[in-house]
Amino acid sequence: MASKINPFAFLQQVRSETSKVTWPSRRETMISTAMVLFMVVLAALFFFAADQVIGWLIRLVLSVGN
């Protein structure tokens, strides 16, 4: 069983740990955001193209039987 901790002591520990965090600069945040957006667009285009090709192949296969 976990030992109970005083809520005030817990908040002090949280504040202490938060002060140890190395926060990214504004420039690092902007570059990371741009990279993520670029990769999302790239993935969306890839999956759109793959969906179109697979759909075309399925239509091709199904139309052979007619």
C-alpha atoms as a PDB file:
ATOM      1  CA  MET A   1       0.000   0.000   0.000  1.00  0.00           C
ATOM      2  CA  ALA A   2       1.325   3.439  -0.912  1.00  0.00           C
ATOM      3  CA  SER A   3       2.087   5.756   1.955  1.00  0.00           C
ATOM      4  CA  LYS A   4      -0.014   8.889   2.306  1.00  0.00           C
ATOM      5  CA  ILE A   5       1.709  12.184   1.552  1.00  0.00           C
ATOM      6  CA  ASN A   6       0.741  15.612   2.739  1.00  0.00           C
ATOM      7  CA  PRO A   7      -0.849  17.556  -0.166  1.00  0.00           C
ATOM      8  CA  PHE A   8       1.262  20.604   0.692  1.00  0.00           C
ATOM      9  CA  ALA A   9       4.463  18.544   0.586  1.00  0.00           C
ATOM     10  CA  PHE A  10       3.342  17.009  -2.706  1.00  0.00           C
ATOM     11  CA  LEU A  11       2.832  20.451  -4.264  1.00  0.00           C
ATOM     12  CA  GLN A  12       6.275  21.523  -3.024  1.00  0.00           C
ATOM     13  CA  GLN A  13       7.799  18.452  -4.678  1.00  0.00           C
ATOM     14  CA  VAL A  14       5.933  19.158  -7.910  1.00  0.00           C
ATOM     15  CA  ARG A  15       7.182  22.737  -7.919  1.00  0.00           C
ATOM     16  CA  SER A  16      10.725  21.564  -7.218  1.00  0.00           C
ATOM     17  CA  GLU A  17      10.643  19.029 -10.070  1.00  0.00           C
ATOM     18  CA  THR A  18       9.056  21.544 -12.464  1.00  0.00           C
ATOM     19  CA  SER A  19      11.905  23.972 -11.851  1.00  0.00           C
ATOM     20  CA  LYS A  20      14.349  21.293 -13.068  1.00  0.00           C
ATOM     21  CA  VAL A  21      12.640  21.050 -16.477  1.00  0.00           C
ATOM     22  CA  THR A  22      14.542  22.498 -19.424  1.00  0.00           C
ATOM     23  CA  TRP A  23      11.884  24.294 -21.417  1.00  0.00           C
ATOM     24  CA  PRO A  24      12.359  24.736 -25.189  1.00  0.00           C
ATOM     25  CA  SER A  25      12.946  28.196 -26.569  1.00  0.00           C
ATOM     26  CA  ARG A  26      10.343  29.927 -28.724  1.00  0.00           C
ATOM     27  CA  ARG A  27      12.456  29.188 -31.825  1.00  0.00           C
ATOM     28  CA  GLU A  28      12.738  25.475 -30.969  1.00  0.00           C
ATOM     29  CA  THR A  29       8.979  25.305 -30.412  1.00  0.00           C
ATOM     30  CA  MET A  30       8.245  27.008 -33.741  1.00  0.00           C
ATOM     31  CA  ILE A  31      10.634  24.711 -35.651  1.00  0.00           C
ATOM     32  CA  SER A  32       9.181  21.596 -34.006  1.00  0.00           C
ATOM     33  CA  THR A  33       5.639  22.764 -34.786  1.00  0.00           C
ATOM     34  CA  ALA A  34       6.529  23.413 -38.434  1.00  0.00           C
ATOM     35  CA  MET A  35       8.156  19.978 -38.733  1.00  0.00           C
ATOM     36  CA  VAL A  36       5.114  18.254 -37.242  1.00  0.00           C
ATOM     37  CA  LEU A  37       2.732  20.110 -39.568  1.00  0.00           C
ATOM     38  CA  PHE A  38       4.920  19.252 -42.584  1.00  0.00           C
ATOM     39  CA  MET A  39       4.964  15.568 -41.646  1.00  0.00           C
ATOM     40  CA  VAL A  40       1.180  15.547 -41.119  1.00  0.00           C
ATOM     41  CA  VAL A  41       0.629  17.033 -44.583  1.00  0.00           C
ATOM     42  CA  LEU A  42       3.109  14.566 -46.092  1.00  0.00           C
ATOM     43  CA  ALA A  43       1.389  11.610 -44.384  1.00  0.00           C
ATOM     44  CA  ALA A  44      -2.054  12.871 -45.479  1.00  0.00           C
ATOM     45  CA  LEU A  45      -0.889  13.115 -49.105  1.00  0.00           C
ATOM     46  CA  PHE A  46       0.663   9.645 -48.948  1.00  0.00           C
ATOM     47  CA  PHE A  47      -2.471   8.030 -47.521  1.00  0.00           C
ATOM     48  CA  PHE A  48      -4.694   9.900 -49.986  1.00  0.00           C
ATOM     49  CA  ALA A  49      -2.571   8.636 -52.893  1.00  0.00           C
ATOM     50  CA  ALA A  50      -2.489   5.092 -51.488  1.00  0.00           C
ATOM     51  CA  ASP A  51      -6.271   5.148 -51.050  1.00  0.00           C
ATOM     52  CA  GLN A  52      -6.764   6.333 -54.633  1.00  0.00           C
ATOM     53  CA  VAL A  53      -4.450   3.647 -56.046  1.00  0.00           C
ATOM     54  CA  ILE A  54      -6.031   0.856 -53.996  1.00  0.00           C
ATOM     55  CA  GLY A  55      -9.521   2.060 -54.954  1.00  0.00           C
ATOM     56  CA  TRP A  56      -8.542   2.131 -58.626  1.00  0.00           C
ATOM     57  CA  LEU A  57      -7.091  -1.405 -58.369  1.00  0.00           C
ATOM     58  CA  ILE A  58     -10.230  -2.730 -56.680  1.00  0.00           C
ATOM     59  CA  ARG A  59     -12.460  -1.109 -59.318  1.00  0.00           C
ATOM     60  CA  LEU A  60     -10.219  -2.618 -62.012  1.00  0.00           C
ATOM     61  CA  VAL A  61     -10.421  -6.119 -60.513  1.00  0.00           C
ATOM     62  CA  LEU A  62     -14.179  -5.922 -59.963  1.00  0.00           C
ATOM     63  CA  SER A  63     -14.849  -4.643 -63.486  1.00  0.00           C
ATOM     64  CA  VAL A  64     -12.963  -7.604 -65.048  1.00  0.00           C
ATOM     65  CA  GLY A  65     -15.801  -9.944 -64.096  1.00  0.00           C
ATOM     66  CA  ASN A  66     -18.436  -7.912 -65.953  1.00  0.00           C
END
